[in-house]
Amino acid sequence: LQDILDGFIQKYVLCSNCKNPETD
């Protein structure tokens, strides 16, 4: 599940420009 969560974070959490998770 932790590995699958990485995919969610890449798509719906991290900024596509700076890879920072401070996104709304």
PDBML (XML) file of the C-alpha atoms, coordinates in Angstrom:
<?xml version="1.0" encoding="UTF-8" ?>
<PDBx:datablock datablockName="MODEL"
   xmlns:PDBx="http://pdbml.pdb.org/schema/pdbx-v50.xsd"
   xmlns:xsi="http://www.w3.org/2001/XMLSchema-instance"
   xsi:schemaLocation="http://pdbml.pdb.org/schema/pdbx-v50.xsd pdbx-v50.xsd">
   <PDBx:atom_siteCategory>
      <PDBx:atom_site id="1">
         <PDBx:B_iso_or_equiv>0.00</PDBx:B_iso_or_equiv>
         <PDBx:Cartn_x>0.000</PDBx:Cartn_x>
         <PDBx:Cartn_y>0.000</PDBx:Cartn_y>
         <PDBx:Cartn_z>0.000</PDBx:Cartn_z>
         <PDBx:auth_asym_id>A</PDBx:auth_asym_id>
         <PDBx:auth_atom_id>CA</PDBx:auth_atom_id>
         <PDBx:auth_comp_id>LEU</PDBx:auth_comp_id>
         <PDBx:auth_seq_id>1</PDBx:auth_seq_id>
         <PDBx:group_PDB>ATOM</PDBx:group_PDB>
         <PDBx:label_alt_id xsi:nil="true" />
         <PDBx:label_asym_id>A</PDBx:label_asym_id>
         <PDBx:label_atom_id>CA</PDBx:label_atom_id>
         <PDBx:label_comp_id>LEU</PDBx:label_comp_id>
         <PDBx:label_entity_id>1</PDBx:label_entity_id>
         <PDBx:label_seq_id>1</PDBx:label_seq_id>
         <PDBx:occupancy>1.00</PDBx:occupancy>
         <PDBx:pdbx_PDB_model_num>1</PDBx:pdbx_PDB_model_num>
         <PDBx:type_symbol>C</PDBx:type_symbol>
      </PDBx:atom_site>
      <PDBx:atom_site id="2">
         <PDBx:B_iso_or_equiv>0.00</PDBx:B_iso_or_equiv>
         <PDBx:Cartn_x>2.911</PDBx:Cartn_x>
         <PDBx:Cartn_y>2.380</PDBx:Cartn_y>
         <PDBx:Cartn_z>0.701</PDBx:Cartn_z>
         <PDBx:auth_asym_id>A</PDBx:auth_asym_id>
         <PDBx:auth_atom_id>CA</PDBx:auth_atom_id>
         <PDBx:auth_comp_id>GLN</PDBx:auth_comp_id>
         <PDBx:auth_seq_id>2</PDBx:auth_seq_id>
         <PDBx:group_PDB>ATOM</PDBx:group_PDB>
         <PDBx:label_alt_id xsi:nil="true" />
         <PDBx:label_asym_id>A</PDBx:label_asym_id>
         <PDBx:label_atom_id>CA</PDBx:label_atom_id>
         <PDBx:label_comp_id>GLN</PDBx:label_comp_id>
         <PDBx:label_entity_id>1</PDBx:label_entity_id>
         <PDBx:label_seq_id>2</PDBx:label_seq_id>
         <PDBx:occupancy>1.00</PDBx:occupancy>
         <PDBx:pdbx_PDB_model_num>1</PDBx:pdbx_PDB_model_num>
         <PDBx:type_symbol>C</PDBx:type_symbol>
      </PDBx:atom_site>
      <PDBx:atom_site id="3">
         <PDBx:B_iso_or_equiv>0.00</PDBx:B_iso_or_equiv>
         <PDBx:Cartn_x>4.218</PDBx:Cartn_x>
         <PDBx:Cartn_y>1.824</PDBx:Cartn_y>
         <PDBx:Cartn_z>-2.844</PDBx:Cartn_z>
         <PDBx:auth_asym_id>A</PDBx:auth_asym_id>
         <PDBx:auth_atom_id>CA</PDBx:auth_atom_id>
         <PDBx:auth_comp_id>ASP</PDBx:auth_comp_id>
         <PDBx:auth_seq_id>3</PDBx:auth_seq_id>
         <PDBx:group_PDB>ATOM</PDBx:group_PDB>
         <PDBx:label_alt_id xsi:nil="true" />
         <PDBx:label_asym_id>A</PDBx:label_asym_id>
         <PDBx:label_atom_id>CA</PDBx:label_atom_id>
         <PDBx:label_comp_id>ASP</PDBx:label_comp_id>
         <PDBx:label_entity_id>1</PDBx:label_entity_id>
         <PDBx:label_seq_id>3</PDBx:label_seq_id>
         <PDBx:occupancy>1.00</PDBx:occupancy>
         <PDBx:pdbx_PDB_model_num>1</PDBx:pdbx_PDB_model_num>
         <PDBx:type_symbol>C</PDBx:type_symbol>
      </PDBx:atom_site>
      <PDBx:atom_site id="4">
         <PDBx:B_iso_or_equiv>0.00</PDBx:B_iso_or_equiv>
         <PDBx:Cartn_x>0.765</PDBx:Cartn_x>
         <PDBx:Cartn_y>2.483</PDBx:Cartn_y>
         <PDBx:Cartn_z>-4.309</PDBx:Cartn_z>
         <PDBx:auth_asym_id>A</PDBx:auth_asym_id>
         <PDBx:auth_atom_id>CA</PDBx:auth_atom_id>
         <PDBx:auth_comp_id>ILE</PDBx:auth_comp_id>
         <PDBx:auth_seq_id>4</PDBx:auth_seq_id>
         <PDBx:group_PDB>ATOM</PDBx:group_PDB>
         <PDBx:label_alt_id xsi:nil="true" />
         <PDBx:label_asym_id>A</PDBx:label_asym_id>
         <PDBx:label_atom_id>CA</PDBx:label_atom_id>
         <PDBx:label_comp_id>ILE</PDBx:label_comp_id>
         <PDBx:label_entity_id>1</PDBx:label_entity_id>
         <PDBx:label_seq_id>4</PDBx:label_seq_id>
         <PDBx:occupancy>1.00</PDBx:occupancy>
         <PDBx:pdbx_PDB_model_num>1</PDBx:pdbx_PDB_model_num>
         <PDBx:type_symbol>C</PDBx:type_symbol>
      </PDBx:atom_site>
      <PDBx:atom_site id="5">
         <PDBx:B_iso_or_equiv>0.00</PDBx:B_iso_or_equiv>
         <PDBx:Cartn_x>0.452</PDBx:Cartn_x>
         <PDBx:Cartn_y>5.638</PDBx:Cartn_y>
         <PDBx:Cartn_z>-2.190</PDBx:Cartn_z>
         <PDBx:auth_asym_id>A</PDBx:auth_asym_id>
         <PDBx:auth_atom_id>CA</PDBx:auth_atom_id>
         <PDBx:auth_comp_id>LEU</PDBx:auth_comp_id>
         <PDBx:auth_seq_id>5</PDBx:auth_seq_id>
         <PDBx:group_PDB>ATOM</PDBx:group_PDB>
         <PDBx:label_alt_id xsi:nil="true" />
         <PDBx:label_asym_id>A</PDBx:label_asym_id>
         <PDBx:label_atom_id>CA</PDBx:label_atom_id>
         <PDBx:label_comp_id>LEU</PDBx:label_comp_id>
         <PDBx:label_entity_id>1</PDBx:label_entity_id>
         <PDBx:label_seq_id>5</PDBx:label_seq_id>
         <PDBx:occupancy>1.00</PDBx:occupancy>
         <PDBx:pdbx_PDB_model_num>1</PDBx:pdbx_PDB_model_num>
         <PDBx:type_symbol>C</PDBx:type_symbol>
      </PDBx:atom_site>
      <PDBx:atom_site id="6">
         <PDBx:B_iso_or_equiv>0.00</PDBx:B_iso_or_equiv>
         <PDBx:Cartn_x>3.591</PDBx:Cartn_x>
         <PDBx:Cartn_y>6.968</PDBx:Cartn_y>
         <PDBx:Cartn_z>-3.920</PDBx:Cartn_z>
         <PDBx:auth_asym_id>A</PDBx:auth_asym_id>
         <PDBx:auth_atom_id>CA</PDBx:auth_atom_id>
         <PDBx:auth_comp_id>ASP</PDBx:auth_comp_id>
         <PDBx:auth_seq_id>6</PDBx:auth_seq_id>
         <PDBx:group_PDB>ATOM</PDBx:group_PDB>
         <PDBx:label_alt_id xsi:nil="true" />
         <PDBx:label_asym_id>A</PDBx:label_asym_id>
         <PDBx:label_atom_id>CA</PDBx:label_atom_id>
         <PDBx:label_comp_id>ASP</PDBx:label_comp_id>
         <PDBx:label_entity_id>1</PDBx:label_entity_id>
         <PDBx:label_seq_id>6</PDBx:label_seq_id>
         <PDBx:occupancy>1.00</PDBx:occupancy>
         <PDBx:pdbx_PDB_model_num>1</PDBx:pdbx_PDB_model_num>
         <PDBx:type_symbol>C</PDBx:type_symbol>
      </PDBx:atom_site>
      <PDBx:atom_site id="7">
         <PDBx:B_iso_or_equiv>0.00</PDBx:B_iso_or_equiv>
         <PDBx:Cartn_x>1.629</PDBx:Cartn_x>
         <PDBx:Cartn_y>6.983</PDBx:Cartn_y>
         <PDBx:Cartn_z>-7.181</PDBx:Cartn_z>
         <PDBx:auth_asym_id>A</PDBx:auth_asym_id>
         <PDBx:auth_atom_id>CA</PDBx:auth_atom_id>
         <PDBx:auth_comp_id>GLY</PDBx:auth_comp_id>
         <PDBx:auth_seq_id>7</PDBx:auth_seq_id>
         <PDBx:group_PDB>ATOM</PDBx:group_PDB>
         <PDBx:label_alt_id xsi:nil="true" />
         <PDBx:label_asym_id>A</PDBx:label_asym_id>
         <PDBx:label_atom_id>CA</PDBx:label_atom_id>
         <PDBx:label_comp_id>GLY</PDBx:label_comp_id>
         <PDBx:label_entity_id>1</PDBx:label_entity_id>
         <PDBx:label_seq_id>7</PDBx:label_seq_id>
         <PDBx:occupancy>1.00</PDBx:occupancy>
         <PDBx:pdbx_PDB_model_num>1</PDBx:pdbx_PDB_model_num>
         <PDBx:type_symbol>C</PDBx:type_symbol>
      </PDBx:atom_site>
      <PDBx:atom_site id="8">
         <PDBx:B_iso_or_equiv>0.00</PDBx:B_iso_or_equiv>
         <PDBx:Cartn_x>-1.194</PDBx:Cartn_x>
         <PDBx:Cartn_y>8.983</PDBx:Cartn_y>
         <PDBx:Cartn_z>-5.580</PDBx:Cartn_z>
         <PDBx:auth_asym_id>A</PDBx:auth_asym_id>
         <PDBx:auth_atom_id>CA</PDBx:auth_atom_id>
         <PDBx:auth_comp_id>PHE</PDBx:auth_comp_id>
         <PDBx:auth_seq_id>8</PDBx:auth_seq_id>
         <PDBx:group_PDB>ATOM</PDBx:group_PDB>
         <PDBx:label_alt_id xsi:nil="true" />
         <PDBx:label_asym_id>A</PDBx:label_asym_id>
         <PDBx:label_atom_id>CA</PDBx:label_atom_id>
         <PDBx:label_comp_id>PHE</PDBx:label_comp_id>
         <PDBx:label_entity_id>1</PDBx:label_entity_id>
         <PDBx:label_seq_id>8</PDBx:label_seq_id>
         <PDBx:occupancy>1.00</PDBx:occupancy>
         <PDBx:pdbx_PDB_model_num>1</PDBx:pdbx_PDB_model_num>
         <PDBx:type_symbol>C</PDBx:type_symbol>
      </PDBx:atom_site>
      <PDBx:atom_site id="9">
         <PDBx:B_iso_or_equiv>0.00</PDBx:B_iso_or_equiv>
         <PDBx:Cartn_x>1.300</PDBx:Cartn_x>
         <PDBx:Cartn_y>11.498</PDBx:Cartn_y>
         <PDBx:Cartn_z>-4.177</PDBx:Cartn_z>
         <PDBx:auth_asym_id>A</PDBx:auth_asym_id>
         <PDBx:auth_atom_id>CA</PDBx:auth_atom_id>
         <PDBx:auth_comp_id>ILE</PDBx:auth_comp_id>
         <PDBx:auth_seq_id>9</PDBx:auth_seq_id>
         <PDBx:group_PDB>ATOM</PDBx:group_PDB>
         <PDBx:label_alt_id xsi:nil="true" />
         <PDBx:label_asym_id>A</PDBx:label_asym_id>
         <PDBx:label_atom_id>CA</PDBx:label_atom_id>
         <PDBx:label_comp_id>ILE</PDBx:label_comp_id>
         <PDBx:label_entity_id>1</PDBx:label_entity_id>
         <PDBx:label_seq_id>9</PDBx:label_seq_id>
         <PDBx:occupancy>1.00</PDBx:occupancy>
         <PDBx:pdbx_PDB_model_num>1</PDBx:pdbx_PDB_model_num>
         <PDBx:type_symbol>C</PDBx:type_symbol>
      </PDBx:atom_site>
      <PDBx:atom_site id="10">
         <PDBx:B_iso_or_equiv>0.00</PDBx:B_iso_or_equiv>
         <PDBx:Cartn_x>3.030</PDBx:Cartn_x>
         <PDBx:Cartn_y>11.966</PDBx:Cartn_y>
         <PDBx:Cartn_z>-7.538</PDBx:Cartn_z>
         <PDBx:auth_asym_id>A</PDBx:auth_asym_id>
         <PDBx:auth_atom_id>CA</PDBx:auth_atom_id>
         <PDBx:auth_comp_id>GLN</PDBx:auth_comp_id>
         <PDBx:auth_seq_id>10</PDBx:auth_seq_id>
         <PDBx:group_PDB>ATOM</PDBx:group_PDB>
         <PDBx:label_alt_id xsi:nil="true" />
         <PDBx:label_asym_id>A</PDBx:label_asym_id>
         <PDBx:label_atom_id>CA</PDBx:label_atom_id>
         <PDBx:label_comp_id>GLN</PDBx:label_comp_id>
         <PDBx:label_entity_id>1</PDBx:label_entity_id>
         <PDBx:label_seq_id>10</PDBx:label_seq_id>
         <PDBx:occupancy>1.00</PDBx:occupancy>
         <PDBx:pdbx_PDB_model_num>1</PDBx:pdbx_PDB_model_num>
         <PDBx:type_symbol>C</PDBx:type_symbol>
      </PDBx:atom_site>
      <PDBx:atom_site id="11">
         <PDBx:B_iso_or_equiv>0.00</PDBx:B_iso_or_equiv>
         <PDBx:Cartn_x>-0.256</PDBx:Cartn_x>
         <PDBx:Cartn_y>12.642</PDBx:Cartn_y>
         <PDBx:Cartn_z>-9.301</PDBx:Cartn_z>
         <PDBx:auth_asym_id>A</PDBx:auth_asym_id>
         <PDBx:auth_atom_id>CA</PDBx:auth_atom_id>
         <PDBx:auth_comp_id>LYS</PDBx:auth_comp_id>
         <PDBx:auth_seq_id>11</PDBx:auth_seq_id>
         <PDBx:group_PDB>ATOM</PDBx:group_PDB>
         <PDBx:label_alt_id xsi:nil="true" />
         <PDBx:label_asym_id>A</PDBx:label_asym_id>
         <PDBx:label_atom_id>CA</PDBx:label_atom_id>
         <PDBx:label_comp_id>LYS</PDBx:label_comp_id>
         <PDBx:label_entity_id>1</PDBx:label_entity_id>
         <PDBx:label_seq_id>11</PDBx:label_seq_id>
         <PDBx:occupancy>1.00</PDBx:occupancy>
         <PDBx:pdbx_PDB_model_num>1</PDBx:pdbx_PDB_model_num>
         <PDBx:type_symbol>C</PDBx:type_symbol>
      </PDBx:atom_site>
      <PDBx:atom_site id="12">
         <PDBx:B_iso_or_equiv>0.00</PDBx:B_iso_or_equiv>
         <PDBx:Cartn_x>-2.426</PDBx:Cartn_x>
         <PDBx:Cartn_y>14.451</PDBx:Cartn_y>
         <PDBx:Cartn_z>-6.756</PDBx:Cartn_z>
         <PDBx:auth_asym_id>A</PDBx:auth_asym_id>
         <PDBx:auth_atom_id>CA</PDBx:auth_atom_id>
         <PDBx:auth_comp_id>TYR</PDBx:auth_comp_id>
         <PDBx:auth_seq_id>12</PDBx:auth_seq_id>
         <PDBx:group_PDB>ATOM</PDBx:group_PDB>
         <PDBx:label_alt_id xsi:nil="true" />
         <PDBx:label_asym_id>A</PDBx:label_asym_id>
         <PDBx:label_atom_id>CA</PDBx:label_atom_id>
         <PDBx:label_comp_id>TYR</PDBx:label_comp_id>
         <PDBx:label_entity_id>1</PDBx:label_entity_id>
         <PDBx:label_seq_id>12</PDBx:label_seq_id>
         <PDBx:occupancy>1.00</PDBx:occupancy>
         <PDBx:pdbx_PDB_model_num>1</PDBx:pdbx_PDB_model_num>
         <PDBx:type_symbol>C</PDBx:type_symbol>
      </PDBx:atom_site>
      <PDBx:atom_site id="13">
         <PDBx:B_iso_or_equiv>0.00</PDBx:B_iso_or_equiv>
         <PDBx:Cartn_x>-0.059</PDBx:Cartn_x>
         <PDBx:Cartn_y>15.979</PDBx:Cartn_y>
         <PDBx:Cartn_z>-4.170</PDBx:Cartn_z>
         <PDBx:auth_asym_id>A</PDBx:auth_asym_id>
         <PDBx:auth_atom_id>CA</PDBx:auth_atom_id>
         <PDBx:auth_comp_id>VAL</PDBx:auth_comp_id>
         <PDBx:auth_seq_id>13</PDBx:auth_seq_id>
         <PDBx:group_PDB>ATOM</PDBx:group_PDB>
         <PDBx:label_alt_id xsi:nil="true" />
         <PDBx:label_asym_id>A</PDBx:label_asym_id>
         <PDBx:label_atom_id>CA</PDBx:label_atom_id>
         <PDBx:label_comp_id>VAL</PDBx:label_comp_id>
         <PDBx:label_entity_id>1</PDBx:label_entity_id>
         <PDBx:label_seq_id>13</PDBx:label_seq_id>
         <PDBx:occupancy>1.00</PDBx:occupancy>
         <PDBx:pdbx_PDB_model_num>1</PDBx:pdbx_PDB_model_num>
         <PDBx:type_symbol>C</PDBx:type_symbol>
      </PDBx:atom_site>
      <PDBx:atom_site id="14">
         <PDBx:B_iso_or_equiv>0.00</PDBx:B_iso_or_equiv>
         <PDBx:Cartn_x>3.343</PDBx:Cartn_x>
         <PDBx:Cartn_y>17.011</PDBx:Cartn_y>
         <PDBx:Cartn_z>-5.548</PDBx:Cartn_z>
         <PDBx:auth_asym_id>A</PDBx:auth_asym_id>
         <PDBx:auth_atom_id>CA</PDBx:auth_atom_id>
         <PDBx:auth_comp_id>LEU</PDBx:auth_comp_id>
         <PDBx:auth_seq_id>14</PDBx:auth_seq_id>
         <PDBx:group_PDB>ATOM</PDBx:group_PDB>
         <PDBx:label_alt_id xsi:nil="true" />
         <PDBx:label_asym_id>A</PDBx:label_asym_id>
         <PDBx:label_atom_id>CA</PDBx:label_atom_id>
         <PDBx:label_comp_id>LEU</PDBx:label_comp_id>
         <PDBx:label_entity_id>1</PDBx:label_entity_id>
         <PDBx:label_seq_id>14</PDBx:label_seq_id>
         <PDBx:occupancy>1.00</PDBx:occupancy>
         <PDBx:pdbx_PDB_model_num>1</PDBx:pdbx_PDB_model_num>
         <PDBx:type_symbol>C</PDBx:type_symbol>
      </PDBx:atom_site>
      <PDBx:atom_site id="15">
         <PDBx:B_iso_or_equiv>0.00</PDBx:B_iso_or_equiv>
         <PDBx:Cartn_x>3.721</PDBx:Cartn_x>
         <PDBx:Cartn_y>20.187</PDBx:Cartn_y>
         <PDBx:Cartn_z>-7.602</PDBx:Cartn_z>
         <PDBx:auth_asym_id>A</PDBx:auth_asym_id>
         <PDBx:auth_atom_id>CA</PDBx:auth_atom_id>
         <PDBx:auth_comp_id>CYS</PDBx:auth_comp_id>
         <PDBx:auth_seq_id>15</PDBx:auth_seq_id>
         <PDBx:group_PDB>ATOM</PDBx:group_PDB>
         <PDBx:label_alt_id xsi:nil="true" />
         <PDBx:label_asym_id>A</PDBx:label_asym_id>
         <PDBx:label_atom_id>CA</PDBx:label_atom_id>
         <PDBx:label_comp_id>CYS</PDBx:label_comp_id>
         <PDBx:label_entity_id>1</PDBx:label_entity_id>
         <PDBx:label_seq_id>15</PDBx:label_seq_id>
         <PDBx:occupancy>1.00</PDBx:occupancy>
         <PDBx:pdbx_PDB_model_num>1</PDBx:pdbx_PDB_model_num>
         <PDBx:type_symbol>C</PDBx:type_symbol>
      </PDBx:atom_site>
      <PDBx:atom_site id="16">
         <PDBx:B_iso_or_equiv>0.00</PDBx:B_iso_or_equiv>
         <PDBx:Cartn_x>4.573</PDBx:Cartn_x>
         <PDBx:Cartn_y>19.284</PDBx:Cartn_y>
         <PDBx:Cartn_z>-11.196</PDBx:Cartn_z>
         <PDBx:auth_asym_id>A</PDBx:auth_asym_id>
         <PDBx:auth_atom_id>CA</PDBx:auth_atom_id>
         <PDBx:auth_comp_id>SER</PDBx:auth_comp_id>
         <PDBx:auth_seq_id>16</PDBx:auth_seq_id>
         <PDBx:group_PDB>ATOM</PDBx:group_PDB>
         <PDBx:label_alt_id xsi:nil="true" />
         <PDBx:label_asym_id>A</PDBx:label_asym_id>
         <PDBx:label_atom_id>CA</PDBx:label_atom_id>
         <PDBx:label_comp_id>SER</PDBx:label_comp_id>
         <PDBx:label_entity_id>1</PDBx:label_entity_id>
         <PDBx:label_seq_id>16</PDBx:label_seq_id>
         <PDBx:occupancy>1.00</PDBx:occupancy>
         <PDBx:pdbx_PDB_model_num>1</PDBx:pdbx_PDB_model_num>
         <PDBx:type_symbol>C</PDBx:type_symbol>
      </PDBx:atom_site>
      <PDBx:atom_site id="17">
         <PDBx:B_iso_or_equiv>0.00</PDBx:B_iso_or_equiv>
         <PDBx:Cartn_x>7.006</PDBx:Cartn_x>
         <PDBx:Cartn_y>22.209</PDBx:Cartn_y>
         <PDBx:Cartn_z>-11.337</PDBx:Cartn_z>
         <PDBx:auth_asym_id>A</PDBx:auth_asym_id>
         <PDBx:auth_atom_id>CA</PDBx:auth_atom_id>
         <PDBx:auth_comp_id>ASN</PDBx:auth_comp_id>
         <PDBx:auth_seq_id>17</PDBx:auth_seq_id>
         <PDBx:group_PDB>ATOM</PDBx:group_PDB>
         <PDBx:label_alt_id xsi:nil="true" />
         <PDBx:label_asym_id>A</PDBx:label_asym_id>
         <PDBx:label_atom_id>CA</PDBx:label_atom_id>
         <PDBx:label_comp_id>ASN</PDBx:label_comp_id>
         <PDBx:label_entity_id>1</PDBx:label_entity_id>
         <PDBx:label_seq_id>17</PDBx:label_seq_id>
         <PDBx:occupancy>1.00</PDBx:occupancy>
         <PDBx:pdbx_PDB_model_num>1</PDBx:pdbx_PDB_model_num>
         <PDBx:type_symbol>C</PDBx:type_symbol>
      </PDBx:atom_site>
      <PDBx:atom_site id="18">
         <PDBx:B_iso_or_equiv>0.00</PDBx:B_iso_or_equiv>
         <PDBx:Cartn_x>9.015</PDBx:Cartn_x>
         <PDBx:Cartn_y>22.166</PDBx:Cartn_y>
         <PDBx:Cartn_z>-8.085</PDBx:Cartn_z>
         <PDBx:auth_asym_id>A</PDBx:auth_asym_id>
         <PDBx:auth_atom_id>CA</PDBx:auth_atom_id>
         <PDBx:auth_comp_id>CYS</PDBx:auth_comp_id>
         <PDBx:auth_seq_id>18</PDBx:auth_seq_id>
         <PDBx:group_PDB>ATOM</PDBx:group_PDB>
         <PDBx:label_alt_id xsi:nil="true" />
         <PDBx:label_asym_id>A</PDBx:label_asym_id>
         <PDBx:label_atom_id>CA</PDBx:label_atom_id>
         <PDBx:label_comp_id>CYS</PDBx:label_comp_id>
         <PDBx:label_entity_id>1</PDBx:label_entity_id>
         <PDBx:label_seq_id>18</PDBx:label_seq_id>
         <PDBx:occupancy>1.00</PDBx:occupancy>
         <PDBx:pdbx_PDB_model_num>1</PDBx:pdbx_PDB_model_num>
         <PDBx:type_symbol>C</PDBx:type_symbol>
      </PDBx:atom_site>
      <PDBx:atom_site id="19">
         <PDBx:B_iso_or_equiv>0.00</PDBx:B_iso_or_equiv>
         <PDBx:Cartn_x>7.989</PDBx:Cartn_x>
         <PDBx:Cartn_y>18.711</PDBx:Cartn_y>
         <PDBx:Cartn_z>-6.708</PDBx:Cartn_z>
         <PDBx:auth_asym_id>A</PDBx:auth_asym_id>
         <PDBx:auth_atom_id>CA</PDBx:auth_atom_id>
         <PDBx:auth_comp_id>LYS</PDBx:auth_comp_id>
         <PDBx:auth_seq_id>19</PDBx:auth_seq_id>
         <PDBx:group_PDB>ATOM</PDBx:group_PDB>
         <PDBx:label_alt_id xsi:nil="true" />
         <PDBx:label_asym_id>A</PDBx:label_asym_id>
         <PDBx:label_atom_id>CA</PDBx:label_atom_id>
         <PDBx:label_comp_id>LYS</PDBx:label_comp_id>
         <PDBx:label_entity_id>1</PDBx:label_entity_id>
         <PDBx:label_seq_id>19</PDBx:label_seq_id>
         <PDBx:occupancy>1.00</PDBx:occupancy>
         <PDBx:pdbx_PDB_model_num>1</PDBx:pdbx_PDB_model_num>
         <PDBx:type_symbol>C</PDBx:type_symbol>
      </PDBx:atom_site>
      <PDBx:atom_site id="20">
         <PDBx:B_iso_or_equiv>0.00</PDBx:B_iso_or_equiv>
         <PDBx:Cartn_x>6.927</PDBx:Cartn_x>
         <PDBx:Cartn_y>20.374</PDBx:Cartn_y>
         <PDBx:Cartn_z>-3.461</PDBx:Cartn_z>
         <PDBx:auth_asym_id>A</PDBx:auth_asym_id>
         <PDBx:auth_atom_id>CA</PDBx:auth_atom_id>
         <PDBx:auth_comp_id>ASN</PDBx:auth_comp_id>
         <PDBx:auth_seq_id>20</PDBx:auth_seq_id>
         <PDBx:group_PDB>ATOM</PDBx:group_PDB>
         <PDBx:label_alt_id xsi:nil="true" />
         <PDBx:label_asym_id>A</PDBx:label_asym_id>
         <PDBx:label_atom_id>CA</PDBx:label_atom_id>
         <PDBx:label_comp_id>ASN</PDBx:label_comp_id>
         <PDBx:label_entity_id>1</PDBx:label_entity_id>
         <PDBx:label_seq_id>20</PDBx:label_seq_id>
         <PDBx:occupancy>1.00</PDBx:occupancy>
         <PDBx:pdbx_PDB_model_num>1</PDBx:pdbx_PDB_model_num>
         <PDBx:type_symbol>C</PDBx:type_symbol>
      </PDBx:atom_site>
      <PDBx:atom_site id="21">
         <PDBx:B_iso_or_equiv>0.00</PDBx:B_iso_or_equiv>
         <PDBx:Cartn_x>3.905</PDBx:Cartn_x>
         <PDBx:Cartn_y>18.883</PDBx:Cartn_y>
         <PDBx:Cartn_z>-1.598</PDBx:Cartn_z>
         <PDBx:auth_asym_id>A</PDBx:auth_asym_id>
         <PDBx:auth_atom_id>CA</PDBx:auth_atom_id>
         <PDBx:auth_comp_id>PRO</PDBx:auth_comp_id>
         <PDBx:auth_seq_id>21</PDBx:auth_seq_id>
         <PDBx:group_PDB>ATOM</PDBx:group_PDB>
         <PDBx:label_alt_id xsi:nil="true" />
         <PDBx:label_asym_id>A</PDBx:label_asym_id>
         <PDBx:label_atom_id>CA</PDBx:label_atom_id>
         <PDBx:label_comp_id>PRO</PDBx:label_comp_id>
         <PDBx:label_entity_id>1</PDBx:label_entity_id>
         <PDBx:label_seq_id>21</PDBx:label_seq_id>
         <PDBx:occupancy>1.00</PDBx:occupancy>
         <PDBx:pdbx_PDB_model_num>1</PDBx:pdbx_PDB_model_num>
         <PDBx:type_symbol>C</PDBx:type_symbol>
      </PDBx:atom_site>
      <PDBx:atom_site id="22">
         <PDBx:B_iso_or_equiv>0.00</PDBx:B_iso_or_equiv>
         <PDBx:Cartn_x>2.601</PDBx:Cartn_x>
         <PDBx:Cartn_y>22.311</PDBx:Cartn_y>
         <PDBx:Cartn_z>-0.493</PDBx:Cartn_z>
         <PDBx:auth_asym_id>A</PDBx:auth_asym_id>
         <PDBx:auth_atom_id>CA</PDBx:auth_atom_id>
         <PDBx:auth_comp_id>GLU</PDBx:auth_comp_id>
         <PDBx:auth_seq_id>22</PDBx:auth_seq_id>
         <PDBx:group_PDB>ATOM</PDBx:group_PDB>
         <PDBx:label_alt_id xsi:nil="true" />
         <PDBx:label_asym_id>A</PDBx:label_asym_id>
         <PDBx:label_atom_id>CA</PDBx:label_atom_id>
         <PDBx:label_comp_id>GLU</PDBx:label_comp_id>
         <PDBx:label_entity_id>1</PDBx:label_entity_id>
         <PDBx:label_seq_id>22</PDBx:label_seq_id>
         <PDBx:occupancy>1.00</PDBx:occupancy>
         <PDBx:pdbx_PDB_model_num>1</PDBx:pdbx_PDB_model_num>
         <PDBx:type_symbol>C</PDBx:type_symbol>
      </PDBx:atom_site>
      <PDBx:atom_site id="23">
         <PDBx:B_iso_or_equiv>0.00</PDBx:B_iso_or_equiv>
         <PDBx:Cartn_x>-0.262</PDBx:Cartn_x>
         <PDBx:Cartn_y>22.242</PDBx:Cartn_y>
         <PDBx:Cartn_z>-2.970</PDBx:Cartn_z>
         <PDBx:auth_asym_id>A</PDBx:auth_asym_id>
         <PDBx:auth_atom_id>CA</PDBx:auth_atom_id>
         <PDBx:auth_comp_id>THR</PDBx:auth_comp_id>
         <PDBx:auth_seq_id>23</PDBx:auth_seq_id>
         <PDBx:group_PDB>ATOM</PDBx:group_PDB>
         <PDBx:label_alt_id xsi:nil="true" />
         <PDBx:label_asym_id>A</PDBx:label_asym_id>
         <PDBx:label_atom_id>CA</PDBx:label_atom_id>
         <PDBx:label_comp_id>THR</PDBx:label_comp_id>
         <PDBx:label_entity_id>1</PDBx:label_entity_id>
         <PDBx:label_seq_id>23</PDBx:label_seq_id>
         <PDBx:occupancy>1.00</PDBx:occupancy>
         <PDBx:pdbx_PDB_model_num>1</PDBx:pdbx_PDB_model_num>
         <PDBx:type_symbol>C</PDBx:type_symbol>
      </PDBx:atom_site>
      <PDBx:atom_site id="24">
         <PDBx:B_iso_or_equiv>0.00</PDBx:B_iso_or_equiv>
         <PDBx:Cartn_x>-3.954</PDBx:Cartn_x>
         <PDBx:Cartn_y>23.023</PDBx:Cartn_y>
         <PDBx:Cartn_z>-2.648</PDBx:Cartn_z>
         <PDBx:auth_asym_id>A</PDBx:auth_asym_id>
         <PDBx:auth_atom_id>CA</PDBx:auth_atom_id>
         <PDBx:auth_comp_id>ASP</PDBx:auth_comp_id>
         <PDBx:auth_seq_id>24</PDBx:auth_seq_id>
         <PDBx:group_PDB>ATOM</PDBx:group_PDB>
         <PDBx:label_alt_id xsi:nil="true" />
         <PDBx:label_asym_id>A</PDBx:label_asym_id>
         <PDBx:label_atom_id>CA</PDBx:label_atom_id>
         <PDBx:label_comp_id>ASP</PDBx:label_comp_id>
         <PDBx:label_entity_id>1</PDBx:label_entity_id>
         <PDBx:label_seq_id>24</PDBx:label_seq_id>
         <PDBx:occupancy>1.00</PDBx:occupancy>
         <PDBx:pdbx_PDB_model_num>1</PDBx:pdbx_PDB_model_num>
         <PDBx:type_symbol>C</PDBx:type_symbol>
      </PDBx:atom_site>
   </PDBx:atom_siteCategory>
</PDBx:datablock>
